[in-house]
C-alpha atoms as a PDB file:
ATOM      1  CA  UNK A   1       0.028  -0.002   0.003  1.00  0.00           C
ATOM      2  CA  UNK A   2       1.270   3.509  -0.899  1.00  0.00           C
ATOM      3  CA  UNK A   3       2.293   5.982   1.827  1.00  0.00           C
ATOM      4  CA  UNK A   4       1.773   9.724   1.971  1.00  0.00           C
ATOM      5  CA  UNK A   5       2.744  12.859   3.864  1.00  0.00           C
ATOM      6  CA  UNK A   6       0.811  16.091   4.148  1.00  0.00           C
ATOM      7  CA  UNK A   7       2.905  19.197   4.912  1.00  0.00           C
ATOM      8  CA  UNK A   8       5.618  16.913   6.138  1.00  0.00           C
ATOM      9  CA  UNK A   9       3.347  14.869   8.426  1.00  0.00           C
ATOM     10  CA  UNK A  10       2.959  11.152   7.703  1.00  0.00           C
ATOM     11  CA  UNK A  11      -0.427   9.675   7.012  1.00  0.00           C
ATOM     12  CA  UNK A  12      -0.482   6.601   9.302  1.00  0.00           C
ATOM     13  CA  UNK A  13      -1.452   3.136   8.171  1.00  0.00           C
ATOM     14  CA  UNK A  14      -4.121   3.175  10.875  1.00  0.00           C
ATOM     15  CA  UNK A  15      -5.717   6.232   9.282  1.00  0.00           C
ATOM     16  CA  UNK A  16      -5.784   4.551   5.861  1.00  0.00           C
ATOM     17  CA  UNK A  17      -7.179   1.274   7.218  1.00  0.00           C
ATOM     18  CA  UNK A  18      -9.829   3.262   9.089  1.00  0.00           C
ATOM     19  CA  UNK A  19     -10.951   4.881   5.831  1.00  0.00           C
ATOM     20  CA  UNK A  20     -10.808   1.538   3.977  1.00  0.00           C
ATOM     21  CA  UNK A  21     -12.942  -0.113   6.623  1.00  0.00           C
ATOM     22  CA  UNK A  22     -15.514   2.705   6.256  1.00  0.00           C
ATOM     23  CA  UNK A  23     -15.543   2.336   2.452  1.00  0.00           C
ATOM     24  CA  UNK A  24     -15.965  -1.483   2.606  1.00  0.00           C
ATOM     25  CA  UNK A  25     -18.811  -1.232   5.094  1.00  0.00           C
ATOM     26  CA  UNK A  26     -20.510   1.531   3.064  1.00  0.00           C
ATOM     27  CA  UNK A  27     -20.430  -0.338  -0.233  1.00  0.00           C
ATOM     28  CA  UNK A  28     -21.463  -3.695   1.350  1.00  0.00           C
ATOM     29  CA  UNK A  29     -24.393  -1.785   2.861  1.00  0.00           C
ATOM     30  CA  UNK A  30     -25.353  -0.395  -0.551  1.00  0.00           C
ATOM     31  CA  UNK A  31     -25.531  -3.526  -2.657  1.00  0.00           C
ATOM     32  CA  UNK A  32     -21.868  -4.418  -3.408  1.00  0.00           C
ATOM     33  CA  UNK A  33     -21.152  -8.103  -2.878  1.00  0.00           C
ATOM     34  CA  UNK A  34     -18.101  -9.494  -1.051  1.00  0.00           C
ATOM     35  CA  UNK A  35     -16.742 -10.701  -4.397  1.00  0.00           C
ATOM     36  CA  UNK A  36     -17.080  -7.212  -5.890  1.00  0.00           C
ATOM     37  CA  UNK A  37     -15.326  -5.731  -2.847  1.00  0.00           C
ATOM     38  CA  UNK A  38     -12.428  -8.127  -3.249  1.00  0.00           C
ATOM     39  CA  UNK A  39     -12.235  -7.430  -7.021  1.00  0.00           C
ATOM     40  CA  UNK A  40     -12.186  -3.670  -6.422  1.00  0.00           C
ATOM     41  CA  UNK A  41      -9.927  -3.765  -3.338  1.00  0.00           C
ATOM     42  CA  UNK A  42      -6.863  -2.059  -5.000  1.00  0.00           C
ATOM     43  CA  UNK A  43      -9.133   0.823  -6.122  1.00  0.00           C
ATOM     44  CA  UNK A  44     -10.727   1.026  -2.716  1.00  0.00           C
ATOM     45  CA  UNK A  45      -7.210   1.141  -1.090  1.00  0.00           C
ATOM     46  CA  UNK A  46      -6.238   4.050  -3.350  1.00  0.00           C
ATOM     47  CA  UNK A  47      -9.482   5.797  -2.476  1.00  0.00           C
ATOM     48  CA  UNK A  48      -8.876   5.155   1.210  1.00  0.00           C
ATOM     49  CA  UNK A  49      -5.461   6.763   0.978  1.00  0.00           C
ATOM     50  CA  UNK A  50      -7.000   9.807  -0.770  1.00  0.00           C
ATOM     51  CA  UNK A  51      -9.693  10.034   1.891  1.00  0.00           C
ATOM     52  CA  UNK A  52      -7.037   9.831   4.684  1.00  0.00           C
ATOM     53  CA  UNK A  53      -5.189  12.688   3.004  1.00  0.00           C
ATOM     54  CA  UNK A  54      -8.404  14.609   2.700  1.00  0.00           C
ATOM     55  CA  UNK A  55      -9.245  13.982   6.343  1.00  0.00           C
ATOM     56  CA  UNK A  56      -5.912  15.398   7.384  1.00  0.00           C
ATOM     57  CA  UNK A  57      -6.380  18.469   5.187  1.00  0.00           C
ATOM     58  CA  UNK A  58      -9.889  18.975   6.568  1.00  0.00           C
ATOM     59  CA  UNK A  59      -8.687  18.546  10.158  1.00  0.00           C
ATOM     60  CA  UNK A  60      -5.882  21.078   9.674  1.00  0.00           C
ATOM     61  CA  UNK A  61      -8.306  23.571   8.025  1.00  0.00           C
ATOM     62  CA  UNK A  62     -10.921  23.067  10.714  1.00  0.00           C
ATOM     63  CA  UNK A  63      -8.259  23.758  13.401  1.00  0.00           C
ATOM     64  CA  UNK A  64      -7.020  26.816  11.493  1.00  0.00           C
ATOM     65  CA  UNK A  65     -10.583  28.278  11.318  1.00  0.00           C
ATOM     66  CA  UNK A  66     -11.255  27.462  15.028  1.00  0.00           C
ATOM     67  CA  UNK A  67     -14.847  26.613  14.301  1.00  0.00           C
ATOM     68  CA  UNK A  68     -16.915  26.977  17.525  1.00  0.00           C
ATOM     69  CA  UNK A  69     -17.727  23.742  19.323  1.00  0.00           C
ATOM     70  CA  UNK A  70     -19.720  23.826  22.584  1.00  0.00           C
ATOM     71  CA  UNK A  71     -19.544  21.455  25.558  1.00  0.00           C
ATOM     72  CA  UNK A  72     -23.123  20.378  24.630  1.00  0.00           C
ATOM     73  CA  UNK A  73     -21.867  19.290  21.160  1.00  0.00           C
ATOM     74  CA  UNK A  74     -19.164  17.090  22.788  1.00  0.00           C
ATOM     75  CA  UNK A  75     -21.613  15.712  25.344  1.00  0.00           C
ATOM     76  CA  UNK A  76     -23.870  14.633  22.475  1.00  0.00           C
ATOM     77  CA  UNK A  77     -20.987  12.867  20.715  1.00  0.00           C
ATOM     78  CA  UNK A  78     -19.932  11.099  23.922  1.00  0.00           C
ATOM     79  CA  UNK A  79     -23.527   9.950  24.433  1.00  0.00           C
ATOM     80  CA  UNK A  80     -23.531   8.378  20.955  1.00  0.00           C
ATOM     81  CA  UNK A  81     -20.328   6.509  21.806  1.00  0.00           C
ATOM     82  CA  UNK A  82     -21.693   5.332  25.136  1.00  0.00           C
ATOM     83  CA  UNK A  83     -24.784   3.959  23.388  1.00  0.00           C
ATOM     84  CA  UNK A  84     -22.702   2.248  20.708  1.00  0.00           C
ATOM     85  CA  UNK A  85     -20.506   0.390  23.203  1.00  0.00           C
ATOM     86  CA  UNK A  86     -23.411  -0.639  25.412  1.00  0.00           C
ATOM     87  CA  UNK A  87     -23.377   1.753  28.365  1.00  0.00           C
ATOM     88  CA  UNK A  88     -21.296   3.887  30.638  1.00  0.00           C
ATOM     89  CA  UNK A  89     -19.468   0.973  32.223  1.00  0.00           C
ATOM     90  CA  UNK A  90     -18.320  -0.367  28.845  1.00  0.00           C
ATOM     91  CA  UNK A  91     -17.318   3.163  27.763  1.00  0.00           C
ATOM     92  CA  UNK A  92     -15.050   3.557  30.767  1.00  0.00           C
ATOM     93  CA  UNK A  93     -13.609   0.093  30.235  1.00  0.00           C
ATOM     94  CA  UNK A  94     -12.852   0.898  26.580  1.00  0.00           C
ATOM     95  CA  UNK A  95     -11.062   4.098  27.557  1.00  0.00           C
ATOM     96  CA  UNK A  96      -8.992   2.200  30.122  1.00  0.00           C
ATOM     97  CA  UNK A  97      -8.166  -0.520  27.614  1.00  0.00           C
ATOM     98  CA  UNK A  98      -6.832   2.189  25.221  1.00  0.00           C
ATOM     99  CA  UNK A  99      -5.021   3.989  28.056  1.00  0.00           C
ATOM    100  CA  UNK A 100      -6.828   7.248  27.270  1.00  0.00           C
ATOM    101  CA  UNK A 101      -8.611   9.587  29.640  1.00  0.00           C
ATOM    102  CA  UNK A 102     -12.130  10.871  29.207  1.00  0.00           C
ATOM    103  CA  UNK A 103     -10.669  14.400  28.779  1.00  0.00           C
ATOM    104  CA  UNK A 104      -8.300  13.324  26.034  1.00  0.00           C
ATOM    105  CA  UNK A 105     -11.019  11.426  24.229  1.00  0.00           C
ATOM    106  CA  UNK A 106     -13.236  14.493  24.350  1.00  0.00           C
ATOM    107  CA  UNK A 107     -10.489  16.488  22.755  1.00  0.00           C
ATOM    108  CA  UNK A 108     -10.339  13.960  19.892  1.00  0.00           C
ATOM    109  CA  UNK A 109     -14.138  14.122  19.514  1.00  0.00           C
ATOM    110  CA  UNK A 110     -13.934  17.868  19.396  1.00  0.00           C
ATOM    111  CA  UNK A 111     -11.662  17.660  16.325  1.00  0.00           C
ATOM    112  CA  UNK A 112     -14.163  15.336  14.662  1.00  0.00           C
ATOM    113  CA  UNK A 113     -17.039  17.689  15.366  1.00  0.00           C
ATOM    114  CA  UNK A 114     -15.077  20.585  13.807  1.00  0.00           C
ATOM    115  CA  UNK A 115     -14.379  18.561  10.687  1.00  0.00           C
ATOM    116  CA  UNK A 116     -18.047  17.613  10.391  1.00  0.00           C
ATOM    117  CA  UNK A 117     -18.979  21.251  10.642  1.00  0.00           C
ATOM    118  CA  UNK A 118     -16.497  22.093   7.894  1.00  0.00           C
ATOM    119  CA  UNK A 119     -17.821  19.276   5.694  1.00  0.00           C
ATOM    120  CA  UNK A 120     -21.405  20.442   6.179  1.00  0.00           C
ATOM    121  CA  UNK A 121     -20.348  23.953   5.101  1.00  0.00           C
ATOM    122  CA  UNK A 122     -18.743  22.513   1.970  1.00  0.00           C
ATOM    123  CA  UNK A 123     -21.936  20.541   1.204  1.00  0.00           C
ATOM    124  CA  UNK A 124     -24.459  23.272   2.057  1.00  0.00           C
ATOM    125  CA  UNK A 125     -25.226  23.873  -1.593  1.00  0.00           C
ATOM    126  CA  UNK A 126     -25.828  20.181  -2.458  1.00  0.00           C
ATOM    127  CA  UNK A 127     -29.517  19.494  -3.137  1.00  0.00           C
ATOM    128  CA  UNK A 128     -31.408  16.354  -2.071  1.00  0.00           C
ATOM    129  CA  UNK A 129     -31.653  13.646  -4.792  1.00  0.00           C
ATOM    130  CA  UNK A 130     -34.803  13.999  -6.872  1.00  0.00           C
ATOM    131  CA  UNK A 131     -37.272  11.076  -7.207  1.00  0.00           C
ATOM    132  CA  UNK A 132     -36.548  10.978 -10.923  1.00  0.00           C
ATOM    133  CA  UNK A 133     -32.846  10.418 -10.187  1.00  0.00           C
ATOM    134  CA  UNK A 134     -33.635   7.579  -7.777  1.00  0.00           C
ATOM    135  CA  UNK A 135     -35.904   5.925 -10.319  1.00  0.00           C
ATOM    136  CA  UNK A 136     -33.337   6.358 -13.146  1.00  0.00           C
ATOM    137  CA  UNK A 137     -30.588   4.846 -11.007  1.00  0.00           C
ATOM    138  CA  UNK A 138     -32.792   1.890 -10.076  1.00  0.00           C
ATOM    139  CA  UNK A 139     -33.650   1.227 -13.751  1.00  0.00           C
ATOM    140  CA  UNK A 140     -29.968   1.377 -14.708  1.00  0.00           C
ATOM    141  CA  UNK A 141     -28.896  -0.957 -11.972  1.00  0.00           C
ATOM    142  CA  UNK A 142     -31.952  -3.176 -11.536  1.00  0.00           C
ATOM    143  CA  UNK A 143     -30.033  -6.388 -12.184  1.00  0.00           C
ATOM    144  CA  UNK A 144     -27.746  -5.616  -9.202  1.00  0.00           C
ATOM    145  CA  UNK A 145     -30.642  -5.268  -6.763  1.00  0.00           C
ATOM    146  CA  UNK A 146     -31.354  -8.816  -5.592  1.00  0.00           C
ATOM    147  CA  UNK A 147     -31.600 -10.146  -2.069  1.00  0.00           C
ATOM    148  CA  UNK A 148     -28.272 -11.733  -1.100  1.00  0.00           C
ATOM    149  CA  UNK A 149     -28.100 -15.478  -1.589  1.00  0.00           C
ATOM    150  CA  UNK A 150     -27.379 -16.879   1.898  1.00  0.00           C
ATOM    151  CA  UNK A 151     -27.139 -20.288   3.441  1.00  0.00           C
ATOM    152  CA  UNK A 152     -27.584 -21.543   7.000  1.00  0.00           C
ATOM    153  CA  UNK A 153     -25.084 -24.268   7.847  1.00  0.00           C
ATOM    154  CA  UNK A 154     -23.511 -26.300  10.574  1.00  0.00           C
ATOM    155  CA  UNK A 155     -20.084 -27.886  10.214  1.00  0.00           C
ATOM    156  CA  UNK A 156     -17.651 -30.183  11.961  1.00  0.00           C
ATOM    157  CA  UNK A 157     -13.926 -29.582  11.622  1.00  0.00           C
ATOM    158  CA  UNK A 158     -11.000 -31.905  12.249  1.00  0.00           C
ATOM    159  CA  UNK A 159      -7.901 -29.729  12.099  1.00  0.00           C
ATOM    160  CA  UNK A 160      -4.750 -30.523  10.108  1.00  0.00           C
ATOM    161  CA  UNK A 161      -1.708 -28.404   9.447  1.00  0.00           C
ATOM    162  CA  UNK A 162       0.697 -28.253   6.477  1.00  0.00           C
ATOM    163  CA  UNK A 163       3.437 -29.499   8.704  1.00  0.00           C
ATOM    164  CA  UNK A 164       1.428 -32.588   9.786  1.00  0.00           C
ATOM    165  CA  UNK A 165       2.932 -35.868   8.755  1.00  0.00           C
ATOM    166  CA  UNK A 166       0.984 -37.915   6.128  1.00  0.00           C
ATOM    167  CA  UNK A 167      -0.009 -40.406   8.832  1.00  0.00           C
ATOM    168  CA  UNK A 168      -1.506 -37.614  10.955  1.00  0.00           C
ATOM    169  CA  UNK A 169      -3.444 -36.257   8.025  1.00  0.00           C
ATOM    170  CA  UNK A 170      -4.647 -39.732   7.190  1.00  0.00           C
ATOM    171  CA  UNK A 171      -5.801 -40.144  10.774  1.00  0.00           C
ATOM    172  CA  UNK A 172      -7.665 -36.858  10.651  1.00  0.00           C
ATOM    173  CA  UNK A 173      -9.326 -37.858   7.426  1.00  0.00           C
ATOM    174  CA  UNK A 174     -10.381 -41.192   8.905  1.00  0.00           C
ATOM    175  CA  UNK A 175     -11.836 -39.439  11.968  1.00  0.00           C
ATOM    176  CA  UNK A 176     -13.988 -37.079   9.921  1.00  0.00           C
ATOM    177  CA  UNK A 177     -15.073 -39.898   7.669  1.00  0.00           C
ATOM    178  CA  UNK A 178     -16.234 -41.977  10.646  1.00  0.00           C
ATOM    179  CA  UNK A 179     -18.150 -38.946  12.058  1.00  0.00           C
ATOM    180  CA  UNK A 180     -19.893 -38.517   8.706  1.00  0.00           C
ATOM    181  CA  UNK A 181     -20.825 -42.183   8.584  1.00  0.00           C
ATOM    182  CA  UNK A 182     -22.380 -41.985  12.045  1.00  0.00           C
ATOM    183  CA  UNK A 183     -24.445 -38.922  10.984  1.00  0.00           C
ATOM    184  CA  UNK A 184     -25.612 -40.587   7.766  1.00  0.00           C
ATOM    185  CA  UNK A 185     -26.665 -43.568   9.842  1.00  0.00           C
ATOM    186  CA  UNK A 186     -28.932 -41.320  11.922  1.00  0.00           C
ATOM    187  CA  UNK A 187     -26.583 -39.643  14.376  1.00  0.00           C
ATOM    188  CA  UNK A 188     -27.213 -36.129  15.538  1.00  0.00           C
ATOM    189  CA  UNK A 189     -25.051 -33.600  13.715  1.00  0.00           C
ATOM    190  CA  UNK A 190     -25.032 -31.054  16.551  1.00  0.00           C
ATOM    191  CA  UNK A 191     -24.102 -33.656  19.187  1.00  0.00           C
ATOM    192  CA  UNK A 192     -21.218 -34.920  16.971  1.00  0.00           C
ATOM    193  CA  UNK A 193     -20.055 -31.309  16.490  1.00  0.00           C
ATOM    194  CA  UNK A 194     -20.085 -30.684  20.250  1.00  0.00           C
ATOM    195  CA  UNK A 195     -18.122 -33.871  20.884  1.00  0.00           C
ATOM    196  CA  UNK A 196     -15.618 -33.860  18.082  1.00  0.00           C
ATOM    197  CA  UNK A 197     -15.308 -30.568  16.188  1.00  0.00           C
ATOM    198  CA  UNK A 198     -12.087 -28.503  16.525  1.00  0.00           C
ATOM    199  CA  UNK A 199     -13.946 -25.290  15.650  1.00  0.00           C
ATOM    200  CA  UNK A 200     -15.193 -22.903  18.411  1.00  0.00           C
ATOM    201  CA  UNK A 201     -18.601 -23.231  16.743  1.00  0.00           C
ATOM    202  CA  UNK A 202     -18.746 -26.740  18.331  1.00  0.00           C
ATOM    203  CA  UNK A 203     -20.305 -25.132  21.433  1.00  0.00           C
ATOM    204  CA  UNK A 204     -23.241 -24.176  19.262  1.00  0.00           C
ATOM    205  CA  UNK A 205     -23.560 -27.581  17.636  1.00  0.00           C
ATOM    206  CA  UNK A 206     -21.350 -26.462  14.730  1.00  0.00           C
ATOM    207  CA  UNK A 207     -23.705 -23.648  13.742  1.00  0.00           C
ATOM    208  CA  UNK A 208     -22.191 -20.912  11.548  1.00  0.00           C
ATOM    209  CA  UNK A 209     -25.383 -18.975  11.240  1.00  0.00           C
ATOM    210  CA  UNK A 210     -26.417 -17.324   7.913  1.00  0.00           C
ATOM    211  CA  UNK A 211     -23.583 -16.355   5.576  1.00  0.00           C
ATOM    212  CA  UNK A 212     -23.338 -15.173   1.976  1.00  0.00           C
ATOM    213  CA  UNK A 213     -20.955 -15.999  -0.848  1.00  0.00           C
ATOM    214  CA  UNK A 214     -17.338 -15.005  -0.289  1.00  0.00           C
ATOM    215  CA  UNK A 215     -17.492 -15.089   3.503  1.00  0.00           C
ATOM    216  CA  UNK A 216     -15.877 -18.536   3.873  1.00  0.00           C
ATOM    217  CA  UNK A 217     -12.702 -19.936   2.311  1.00  0.00           C
ATOM    218  CA  UNK A 218     -13.255 -20.943  -1.367  1.00  0.00           C
ATOM    219  CA  UNK A 219     -13.502 -24.708  -0.929  1.00  0.00           C
ATOM    220  CA  UNK A 220     -16.003 -24.439   1.950  1.00  0.00           C
ATOM    221  CA  UNK A 221     -17.951 -21.669   0.171  1.00  0.00           C
ATOM    222  CA  UNK A 222     -18.283 -23.727  -3.046  1.00  0.00           C
ATOM    223  CA  UNK A 223     -19.502 -26.842  -1.212  1.00  0.00           C
ATOM    224  CA  UNK A 224     -22.044 -24.938   0.977  1.00  0.00           C
ATOM    225  CA  UNK A 225     -23.660 -23.108  -1.945  1.00  0.00           C
ATOM    226  CA  UNK A 226     -23.754 -26.084  -4.286  1.00  0.00           C
ATOM    227  CA  UNK A 227     -25.350 -28.455  -1.757  1.00  0.00           C
ATOM    228  CA  UNK A 228     -29.104 -29.038  -1.531  1.00  0.00           C
ATOM    229  CA  UNK A 229     -30.978 -27.990   1.568  1.00  0.00           C
ATOM    230  CA  UNK A 230     -31.038 -30.813   4.110  1.00  0.00           C
ATOM    231  CA  UNK A 231     -27.946 -32.582   2.723  1.00  0.00           C
ATOM    232  CA  UNK A 232     -24.679 -33.525   4.454  1.00  0.00           C
ATOM    233  CA  UNK A 233     -21.616 -32.854   2.392  1.00  0.00           C
ATOM    234  CA  UNK A 234     -18.768 -35.185   1.588  1.00  0.00           C
ATOM    235  CA  UNK A 235     -15.395 -34.459   3.223  1.00  0.00           C
ATOM    236  CA  UNK A 236     -14.291 -30.949   2.345  1.00  0.00           C
ATOM    237  CA  UNK A 237     -10.587 -30.166   2.603  1.00  0.00           C
ATOM    238  CA  UNK A 238      -9.540 -26.554   3.376  1.00  0.00           C
ATOM    239  CA  UNK A 239      -6.448 -24.792   4.786  1.00  0.00           C
ATOM    240  CA  UNK A 240      -7.926 -25.469   8.273  1.00  0.00           C
ATOM    241  CA  UNK A 241      -8.427 -29.196   7.893  1.00  0.00           C
ATOM    242  CA  UNK A 242     -11.273 -31.574   7.006  1.00  0.00           C
ATOM    243  CA  UNK A 243     -14.912 -30.498   7.256  1.00  0.00           C
ATOM    244  CA  UNK A 244     -18.366 -31.971   6.829  1.00  0.00           C
ATOM    245  CA  UNK A 245     -21.239 -29.555   6.331  1.00  0.00           C
ATOM    246  CA  UNK A 246     -24.960 -29.776   6.988  1.00  0.00           C
ATOM    247  CA  UNK A 247     -27.025 -27.284   5.006  1.00  0.00           C
ATOM    248  CA  UNK A 248     -30.064 -26.393   7.080  1.00  0.00           C
ATOM    249  CA  UNK A 249     -31.611 -23.684   4.924  1.00  0.00           C
ATOM    250  CA  UNK A 250     -31.062 -21.147   2.172  1.00  0.00           C
ATOM    251  CA  UNK A 251     -32.610 -17.849   1.162  1.00  0.00           C
ATOM    252  CA  UNK A 252     -32.298 -14.887  -1.169  1.00  0.00           C
ATOM    253  CA  UNK A 253     -31.657 -14.369  -4.846  1.00  0.00           C
ATOM    254  CA  UNK A 254     -34.993 -12.624  -5.489  1.00  0.00           C
ATOM    255  CA  UNK A 255     -35.234  -9.312  -7.330  1.00  0.00           C
ATOM    256  CA  UNK A 256     -35.858  -6.251  -5.131  1.00  0.00           C
ATOM    257  CA  UNK A 257     -38.425  -3.627  -6.105  1.00  0.00           C
ATOM    258  CA  UNK A 258     -37.821   0.127  -6.206  1.00  0.00           C
ATOM    259  CA  UNK A 259     -39.858   0.349  -2.998  1.00  0.00           C
ATOM    260  CA  UNK A 260     -37.462  -2.140  -1.329  1.00  0.00           C
ATOM    261  CA  UNK A 261     -34.347  -0.171  -2.218  1.00  0.00           C
ATOM    262  CA  UNK A 262     -35.667   3.393  -2.537  1.00  0.00           C
ATOM    263  CA  UNK A 263     -34.118   4.761   0.622  1.00  0.00           C
ATOM    264  CA  UNK A 264     -30.877   2.878   0.071  1.00  0.00           C
ATOM    265  CA  UNK A 265     -30.491   4.423  -3.440  1.00  0.00           C
ATOM    266  CA  UNK A 266     -31.415   7.874  -2.199  1.00  0.00           C
ATOM    267  CA  UNK A 267     -28.836   7.586   0.525  1.00  0.00           C
ATOM    268  CA  UNK A 268     -26.201   6.442  -2.007  1.00  0.00           C
ATOM    269  CA  UNK A 269     -26.955   9.356  -4.379  1.00  0.00           C
ATOM    270  CA  UNK A 270     -26.868  11.828  -1.529  1.00  0.00           C
ATOM    271  CA  UNK A 271     -23.532  10.352  -0.315  1.00  0.00           C
ATOM    272  CA  UNK A 272     -22.059  10.521  -3.814  1.00  0.00           C
ATOM    273  CA  UNK A 273     -23.230  14.171  -4.349  1.00  0.00           C
ATOM    274  CA  UNK A 274     -21.813  15.248  -1.029  1.00  0.00           C
ATOM    275  CA  UNK A 275     -18.654  13.302  -1.814  1.00  0.00           C
ATOM    276  CA  UNK A 276     -18.202  15.302  -5.044  1.00  0.00           C
ATOM    277  CA  UNK A 277     -18.614  18.540  -3.130  1.00  0.00           C
ATOM    278  CA  UNK A 278     -16.159  17.538  -0.438  1.00  0.00           C
ATOM    279  CA  UNK A 279     -13.746  16.265  -3.126  1.00  0.00           C
ATOM    280  CA  UNK A 280     -13.824  19.670  -4.809  1.00  0.00           C
ATOM    281  CA  UNK A 281     -13.214  21.392  -1.483  1.00  0.00           C
ATOM    282  CA  UNK A 282     -10.403  19.047  -0.556  1.00  0.00           C
ATOM    283  CA  UNK A 283      -8.831  19.486  -4.010  1.00  0.00           C
ATOM    284  CA  UNK A 284      -8.709  23.231  -3.346  1.00  0.00           C
ATOM    285  CA  UNK A 285      -7.041  22.616   0.059  1.00  0.00           C
ATOM    286  CA  UNK A 286      -4.701  20.059  -1.520  1.00  0.00           C
ATOM    287  CA  UNK A 287      -3.580  22.560  -4.237  1.00  0.00           C
ATOM    288  CA  UNK A 288      -2.282  24.768  -1.436  1.00  0.00           C
ATOM    289  CA  UNK A 289      -0.666  21.989   0.578  1.00  0.00           C
ATOM    290  CA  UNK A 290       2.537  19.945   0.218  1.00  0.00           C
ATOM    291  CA  UNK A 291       1.255  16.376  -0.434  1.00  0.00           C
ATOM    292  CA  UNK A 292       3.717  13.653  -1.297  1.00  0.00           C
ATOM    293  CA  UNK A 293       2.795  10.028  -2.153  1.00  0.00           C
ATOM    294  CA  UNK A 294       5.334   7.253  -2.458  1.00  0.00           C
END
């Protein structure tokens, strides 16, 4: 991943990863599949670096302008964080774990509030998306709006490692094969998982919950999505070892209507319009700054 400095100050890897995480979560929440995220990861990493540079420029400009922030503004931000982490006790514990005082954390929040104020100023002229724009976007991307194909599975894992001797791997294979035979003969999958699986999911009877394509390693993913509901797989080898999978259910793959995705599209269009406005403002700041990328 590329590195950058702004006016001689390094953009940290943590700052870039923070922006990348935000981008991935945003696009996953607006219709992009895990496969598409992986395919576009190099572009997303470049965009994350640009956004980290922009964040530094905005932070510096907000500090220079000394935008007014009240104690009430900071209290409101702290309240949001307390709610997100599940209460005051968890909030205090999180601060202690990061070795940061409440006062220091509030100072960091104050910087963020100032940047948000500056961003809102830069976007003040941006109009709300029109209904015609939402409809046109839906028509142009209708094929992309389907409910995610998901499966509900349990599995049993017998671990192996690359360094394992052939005899050890053979023993692991024999163990998983015997477990599978007992299940096919009427044994309870969940009980076998609790007794013999090397995966932490064993405590839940091997349950992995619902997951969509791309969330598991390729071999496991392929087997889980190609199986029929109610089936037990053959032995599936992955980097973690040998698995057997029970497919309890599946859902998704249906087309979504404009009503289903209206607010999602409107939010995306709003985000993109505000993004263009912020990009233009950041470009102006960047033209006056010393930005180096290596």
